[in-house]
Amino acid sequence: MFRGRTTDLYLYMSLGVLVLQTTSLVLTMRYSRTLQGEGPRYLASSAVVLAELLKILICLLLIFYDHDFSFLVLNRVLKEEILNKPMETLKLAIPSGIYTLQNNLLYVALSNLDAATYQVTYQLKILTTALFSVSMLGKRLGLYQWLSLLILMTGIALVQWPSESLDGPAPTPLSAGSQLVGVIAVLIACFSSGFAGVYFEKILKGTKQSVWVRNIQLGLFGLVFGLMGVFVYDGERVRESGVFQGYNPLTWTVVALQALGGLVIATVIKYADNILKGFATSLSIILSTLISYFWLVDFDPTRYTYAHTPTL
């Protein structure tokens, strides 16, 4: 009985941290990508790689802590669970590659969209997650749940409705990027997030390996895919100015929040599911919208903006 209560408490705490982490990551990432400063802007591909590396290091420390700070036990766990089980490790290559793509797409999206519009549009991942959960995990959703998802889709469409047709002349965009590019990036990220999340959930709940070991496996592949992205897309800029060009304390904050998000999401998926995770992160829309409107001053809400959040 007490174990069940402890697990529930752990789950709710994880959900709360996830809401705060998601809100903070969106706002800091958006601010870091639009902040005008001297010198070149930091490379999003390098930030993704550093986040994966930091996530691996944190997981190693957590395993080290769980086994009474024994290097011998840590070495044995890594050897038995990762090196001696190559097929189990290879299963994480698929979601890892997709997550790496998704993380890079989020930087593209937040370079071209305000934080609130990004948050609302990105909630389409709840629908894609539900569809993949039904098809891959055999889950069943009730009528009201499907209706709520339909309302969500309608809200997303209304948020993207051209404001000039309703309120006169279009406002001057605060970002030099294309909103269309941002929306396309978010949509691709939604589908990749839904598939990778459900695939990862299936692996987590079908094994006795710890969440930290699975995150190390995921992070190792993410590190490889991320480095490939750095040298393929930003290789010339890296050779000219180095990997850490444009880095500042805000950039490192984004990296840390992205690494924390991967760990919290894995914990929530382990003890709940992706759909609950999706609706938990939806709560961050309210926080993001308020901060985006009052602090970043890059979001001008229309009468359609408030029709986006369903309740299951």
Protein backbone atom coordinates (compact mmCIF):
# COMPACT_ATOMS: atom_id res chain seq x y z
CA MET A 1 0.00 0.00 0.00
CA PHE A 2 2.76 2.42 0.98
CA ARG A 3 4.76 1.48 -2.12
CA GLY A 4 1.75 2.38 -4.26
CA ARG A 5 1.38 5.75 -2.55
CA THR A 6 5.09 6.42 -2.95
CA THR A 7 4.90 5.58 -6.65
CA ASP A 8 1.91 7.91 -7.11
CA LEU A 9 3.71 10.71 -5.28
CA TYR A 10 6.78 10.14 -7.44
CA LEU A 11 4.63 10.24 -10.57
CA TYR A 12 2.83 13.48 -9.65
CA MET A 13 6.10 15.13 -8.70
CA SER A 14 7.54 14.08 -12.07
CA LEU A 15 4.52 15.50 -13.89
CA GLY A 16 4.88 18.81 -12.03
CA VAL A 17 8.58 19.01 -12.85
CA LEU A 18 7.76 18.17 -16.48
CA VAL A 19 5.32 21.10 -16.73
CA LEU A 20 7.87 23.51 -15.30
CA GLN A 21 10.69 22.09 -17.43
CA THR A 22 8.66 22.28 -20.64
CA THR A 23 7.64 25.88 -19.99
CA SER A 24 11.15 26.95 -19.07
CA LEU A 25 12.72 25.17 -22.04
CA VAL A 26 10.34 26.71 -24.58
CA LEU A 27 10.81 30.24 -23.28
CA THR A 28 14.58 30.09 -22.82
CA MET A 29 15.08 28.36 -26.17
CA ARG A 30 12.91 30.94 -27.93
CA TYR A 31 14.71 33.81 -26.21
CA SER A 32 18.15 32.35 -26.94
CA ARG A 33 17.35 31.94 -30.66
CA THR A 34 15.98 35.47 -31.11
CA LEU A 35 18.34 37.38 -28.80
CA GLN A 36 20.43 39.84 -30.77
CA GLY A 37 24.02 39.79 -29.63
CA GLU A 38 27.54 40.22 -30.86
CA GLY A 39 29.19 37.39 -32.75
CA PRO A 40 27.64 34.29 -34.35
CA ARG A 41 24.56 32.57 -32.98
CA TYR A 42 25.16 29.24 -31.27
CA LEU A 43 24.66 26.06 -33.29
CA ALA A 44 21.44 24.25 -32.44
CA SER A 45 23.00 20.94 -33.57
CA SER A 46 25.83 21.30 -31.06
CA ALA A 47 23.36 22.11 -28.26
CA VAL A 48 21.48 18.87 -29.01
CA VAL A 49 24.73 16.89 -28.76
CA LEU A 50 25.71 18.51 -25.47
CA ALA A 51 22.26 17.83 -24.03
CA GLU A 52 22.63 14.12 -24.86
CA LEU A 53 26.10 14.05 -23.32
CA LEU A 54 24.85 15.74 -20.15
CA LYS A 55 21.93 13.30 -19.93
CA ILE A 56 24.32 10.35 -20.12
CA LEU A 57 26.53 11.80 -17.39
CA ILE A 58 23.54 12.41 -15.10
CA CYS A 59 22.30 8.84 -15.62
CA LEU A 60 25.76 7.46 -14.83
CA LEU A 61 25.76 9.44 -11.59
CA LEU A 62 22.28 8.18 -10.69
CA ILE A 63 23.28 4.55 -11.27
CA PHE A 64 26.46 5.20 -9.28
CA TYR A 65 24.32 6.60 -6.44
CA ASP A 66 21.81 3.72 -6.57
CA HIS A 67 24.66 1.22 -6.08
CA ASP A 68 26.28 2.90 -3.07
CA PHE A 69 28.92 4.75 -5.06
CA SER A 70 30.68 1.57 -6.14
CA PHE A 71 32.72 1.83 -9.35
CA LEU A 72 32.91 -1.95 -9.55
CA VAL A 73 29.13 -2.32 -9.50
CA LEU A 74 28.71 0.57 -11.96
CA ASN A 75 31.13 -1.09 -14.36
CA ARG A 76 29.33 -4.43 -13.97
CA VAL A 77 25.89 -2.89 -14.61
CA LEU A 78 27.07 -1.10 -17.74
CA LYS A 79 28.79 -4.22 -19.06
CA GLU A 80 25.88 -6.57 -18.34
CA GLU A 81 23.04 -4.29 -19.41
CA ILE A 82 24.60 -2.53 -22.39
CA LEU A 83 27.66 -4.33 -23.81
CA ASN A 84 26.43 -7.89 -23.21
CA LYS A 85 22.95 -7.16 -24.59
CA PRO A 86 23.63 -5.64 -28.01
CA MET A 87 20.19 -6.43 -29.41
CA GLU A 88 18.45 -4.73 -26.47
CA THR A 89 20.72 -1.73 -26.93
CA LEU A 90 20.09 -1.57 -30.68
CA LYS A 91 16.34 -1.31 -30.07
CA LEU A 92 16.96 2.25 -28.85
CA ALA A 93 18.57 3.32 -32.14
CA ILE A 94 15.18 4.02 -33.75
CA PRO A 95 13.68 6.34 -31.10
CA SER A 96 17.08 7.92 -30.53
CA GLY A 97 17.45 8.92 -34.17
CA ILE A 98 13.91 10.28 -34.21
CA TYR A 99 14.41 12.21 -30.96
CA THR A 100 17.60 13.75 -32.36
CA LEU A 101 15.71 14.89 -35.45
CA GLN A 102 12.89 16.20 -33.26
CA ASN A 103 15.21 18.18 -30.99
CA ASN A 104 16.79 19.89 -33.98
CA LEU A 105 13.35 20.66 -35.42
CA LEU A 106 12.31 22.35 -32.18
CA TYR A 107 15.17 24.82 -32.53
CA VAL A 108 14.03 25.55 -36.09
CA ALA A 109 10.44 26.02 -34.92
CA LEU A 110 11.30 28.35 -32.06
CA SER A 111 13.50 30.41 -34.34
CA ASN A 112 10.44 31.12 -36.49
CA LEU A 113 7.46 31.10 -34.10
CA ASP A 114 6.59 32.90 -30.90
CA ALA A 115 6.62 30.72 -27.80
CA ALA A 116 2.84 30.61 -27.32
CA THR A 117 2.01 29.68 -30.94
CA TYR A 118 4.70 27.01 -30.83
CA GLN A 119 3.30 25.55 -27.62
CA VAL A 120 -0.25 25.41 -28.95
CA THR A 121 0.70 23.88 -32.30
CA TYR A 122 3.03 21.36 -30.69
CA GLN A 123 0.08 19.94 -28.75
CA LEU A 124 -0.90 18.12 -31.94
CA LYS A 125 1.56 15.52 -30.64
CA ILE A 126 -1.19 14.46 -28.20
CA LEU A 127 -3.28 13.32 -31.16
CA THR A 128 -0.37 11.58 -32.90
CA THR A 129 0.59 9.93 -29.62
CA ALA A 130 -2.97 8.69 -29.12
CA LEU A 131 -3.09 7.26 -32.63
CA PHE A 132 0.23 5.46 -32.22
CA SER A 133 -0.80 4.22 -28.75
CA VAL A 134 -3.96 2.67 -30.21
CA SER A 135 -2.15 1.11 -33.17
CA MET A 136 1.07 -0.01 -31.45
CA LEU A 137 0.05 -0.67 -27.84
CA GLY A 138 -3.58 -1.69 -28.35
CA LYS A 139 -4.92 1.01 -26.03
CA ARG A 140 -8.57 2.02 -26.19
CA LEU A 141 -9.84 5.56 -25.82
CA GLY A 142 -13.38 6.58 -24.95
CA LEU A 143 -15.71 8.77 -26.98
CA TYR A 144 -15.05 11.86 -24.85
CA GLN A 145 -11.32 11.38 -25.20
CA TRP A 146 -11.53 11.24 -29.00
CA LEU A 147 -13.85 14.27 -28.93
CA SER A 148 -11.31 16.17 -26.86
CA LEU A 149 -8.60 15.32 -29.36
CA LEU A 150 -10.83 16.62 -32.16
CA ILE A 151 -11.32 19.88 -30.26
CA LEU A 152 -7.56 20.09 -29.89
CA MET A 153 -7.07 19.80 -33.66
CA THR A 154 -9.68 22.50 -34.25
CA GLY A 155 -7.98 24.80 -31.78
CA ILE A 156 -4.62 24.33 -33.51
CA ALA A 157 -6.15 25.20 -36.88
CA LEU A 158 -7.78 28.36 -35.46
CA VAL A 159 -4.55 29.52 -33.87
CA GLN A 160 -2.93 29.41 -37.32
CA TRP A 161 -5.85 31.33 -38.90
CA PRO A 162 -4.53 34.50 -40.58
CA SER A 163 -5.05 37.37 -38.16
CA GLU A 164 -5.13 40.00 -40.90
CA SER A 165 -8.51 38.74 -42.16
CA LEU A 166 -10.01 39.42 -38.75
CA ASP A 167 -8.26 42.38 -37.27
CA GLY A 168 -7.20 44.47 -40.24
CA PRO A 169 -3.56 44.86 -41.28
CA ALA A 170 -1.17 42.10 -40.29
CA PRO A 171 1.14 42.96 -37.42
CA THR A 172 4.81 43.31 -38.17
CA PRO A 173 6.48 39.97 -37.38
CA LEU A 174 8.99 40.13 -34.57
CA SER A 175 11.03 37.25 -36.02
CA ALA A 176 12.86 37.43 -39.33
CA GLY A 177 12.16 33.75 -39.94
CA SER A 178 9.26 32.31 -41.86
CA GLN A 179 6.22 31.25 -39.85
CA LEU A 180 5.48 28.58 -42.43
CA VAL A 181 8.89 26.99 -41.84
CA GLY A 182 8.21 27.02 -38.11
CA VAL A 183 4.79 25.38 -38.47
CA ILE A 184 6.14 22.66 -40.80
CA ALA A 185 8.98 21.96 -38.35
CA VAL A 186 6.49 21.62 -35.48
CA LEU A 187 4.20 19.30 -37.46
CA ILE A 188 7.07 16.97 -38.36
CA ALA A 189 8.20 17.05 -34.72
CA CYS A 190 4.65 16.13 -33.60
CA PHE A 191 4.56 12.97 -35.69
CA SER A 192 8.11 11.98 -34.79
CA SER A 193 7.41 12.66 -31.10
CA GLY A 194 4.25 10.54 -31.14
CA PHE A 195 5.92 7.54 -32.75
CA ALA A 196 9.20 7.70 -30.80
CA GLY A 197 7.39 8.23 -27.49
CA VAL A 198 5.10 5.23 -27.92
CA TYR A 199 7.97 3.07 -29.21
CA PHE A 200 10.06 4.05 -26.16
CA GLU A 201 7.13 3.36 -23.83
CA LYS A 202 6.76 -0.11 -25.32
CA ILE A 203 10.45 -0.81 -24.68
CA LEU A 204 10.45 0.63 -21.15
CA LYS A 205 7.42 -1.34 -20.00
CA GLY A 206 8.57 -4.54 -21.67
CA THR A 207 11.87 -4.78 -19.82
CA LYS A 208 13.26 -4.91 -16.30
CA GLN A 209 16.13 -2.57 -17.06
CA SER A 210 16.15 0.68 -15.13
CA VAL A 211 15.06 3.97 -16.65
CA TRP A 212 18.61 5.29 -16.24
CA VAL A 213 20.17 2.40 -18.19
CA ARG A 214 17.63 2.89 -20.98
CA ASN A 215 18.41 6.60 -21.07
CA ILE A 216 22.12 5.87 -21.40
CA GLN A 217 21.40 3.57 -24.33
CA LEU A 218 19.16 6.22 -25.85
CA GLY A 219 21.74 8.92 -25.23
CA LEU A 220 24.62 6.98 -26.80
CA PHE A 221 22.77 6.68 -30.09
CA GLY A 222 21.60 10.28 -29.77
CA LEU A 223 25.21 11.34 -29.34
CA VAL A 224 26.25 9.52 -32.53
CA PHE A 225 23.33 10.85 -34.59
CA GLY A 226 23.80 14.33 -33.16
CA LEU A 227 27.50 14.44 -34.04
CA MET A 228 26.64 13.35 -37.56
CA GLY A 229 24.21 16.26 -37.77
CA VAL A 230 26.84 18.72 -36.52
CA PHE A 231 29.39 17.78 -39.15
CA VAL A 232 26.92 17.32 -42.01
CA TYR A 233 24.93 20.54 -41.55
CA ASP A 234 27.29 22.79 -39.57
CA GLY A 235 30.71 21.34 -40.34
CA GLU A 236 31.94 24.45 -42.13
CA ARG A 237 30.84 26.78 -39.33
CA VAL A 238 32.45 24.48 -36.75
CA ARG A 239 35.75 24.60 -38.65
CA GLU A 240 35.56 28.38 -38.83
CA SER A 241 34.50 29.31 -35.29
CA GLY A 242 34.45 26.09 -33.24
CA VAL A 243 31.69 24.03 -31.64
CA PHE A 244 31.04 26.46 -28.81
CA GLN A 245 30.59 29.57 -30.93
CA GLY A 246 27.91 31.88 -29.60
CA TYR A 247 27.59 30.04 -26.28
CA ASN A 248 26.62 32.03 -23.18
CA PRO A 249 24.98 31.24 -19.83
CA LEU A 250 21.53 31.24 -21.46
CA THR A 251 22.66 28.66 -24.01
CA TRP A 252 23.96 26.37 -21.28
CA THR A 253 20.63 26.78 -19.47
CA VAL A 254 18.83 25.55 -22.60
CA VAL A 255 21.18 22.54 -22.80
CA ALA A 256 20.60 21.68 -19.14
CA LEU A 257 16.82 21.98 -19.44
CA GLN A 258 16.78 19.79 -22.54
CA ALA A 259 18.80 17.10 -20.75
CA LEU A 260 16.52 17.28 -17.71
CA GLY A 261 13.47 16.97 -19.95
CA GLY A 262 14.65 13.69 -21.41
CA LEU A 263 15.06 12.17 -17.95
CA VAL A 264 11.73 13.44 -16.59
CA ILE A 265 9.83 12.30 -19.69
CA ALA A 266 11.31 8.80 -19.41
CA THR A 267 10.28 8.64 -15.75
CA VAL A 268 6.71 9.73 -16.52
CA ILE A 269 6.42 7.22 -19.38
CA LYS A 270 7.71 4.43 -17.12
CA TYR A 271 5.08 5.02 -14.43
CA ALA A 272 2.21 6.39 -16.57
CA ASP A 273 1.96 6.69 -20.35
CA ASN A 274 2.58 9.06 -23.24
CA ILE A 275 -0.97 10.38 -23.37
CA LEU A 276 -0.86 11.50 -19.73
CA LYS A 277 2.55 13.00 -20.42
CA GLY A 278 1.10 14.92 -23.35
CA PHE A 279 -1.73 16.42 -21.33
CA ALA A 280 0.63 17.26 -18.49
CA THR A 281 2.83 19.25 -20.84
CA SER A 282 -0.29 20.97 -22.19
CA LEU A 283 -0.58 22.76 -18.85
CA SER A 284 2.60 24.60 -19.74
CA ILE A 285 0.70 26.37 -22.55
CA ILE A 286 -0.93 28.69 -20.01
CA LEU A 287 2.38 29.58 -18.42
CA SER A 288 4.13 29.98 -21.76
CA THR A 289 1.36 32.19 -23.15
CA LEU A 290 1.35 34.49 -20.13
CA ILE A 291 5.12 34.86 -20.05
CA SER A 292 5.34 35.18 -23.83
CA TYR A 293 2.72 37.96 -23.77
CA PHE A 294 3.82 39.90 -20.68
CA TRP A 295 7.58 39.29 -20.62
CA LEU A 296 8.85 38.40 -24.10
CA VAL A 297 6.15 40.58 -25.72
CA ASP A 298 6.24 38.47 -28.89
CA PHE A 299 2.70 37.08 -28.84
CA ASP A 300 -0.49 38.94 -29.72
CA PRO A 301 -3.44 36.67 -28.84
CA THR A 302 -6.54 36.68 -31.04
CA ARG A 303 -10.04 35.56 -30.14
CA TYR A 304 -9.22 32.13 -31.60
CA THR A 305 -6.20 31.50 -29.42
CA TYR A 306 -8.25 30.48 -26.40
CA ALA A 307 -10.00 27.55 -28.05
CA HIS A 308 -7.04 25.20 -28.06
CA THR A 309 -6.87 23.22 -24.84
CA PRO A 310 -9.11 20.15 -24.41
CA THR A 311 -9.86 18.46 -21.13
CA LEU A 312 -9.92 14.69 -20.88
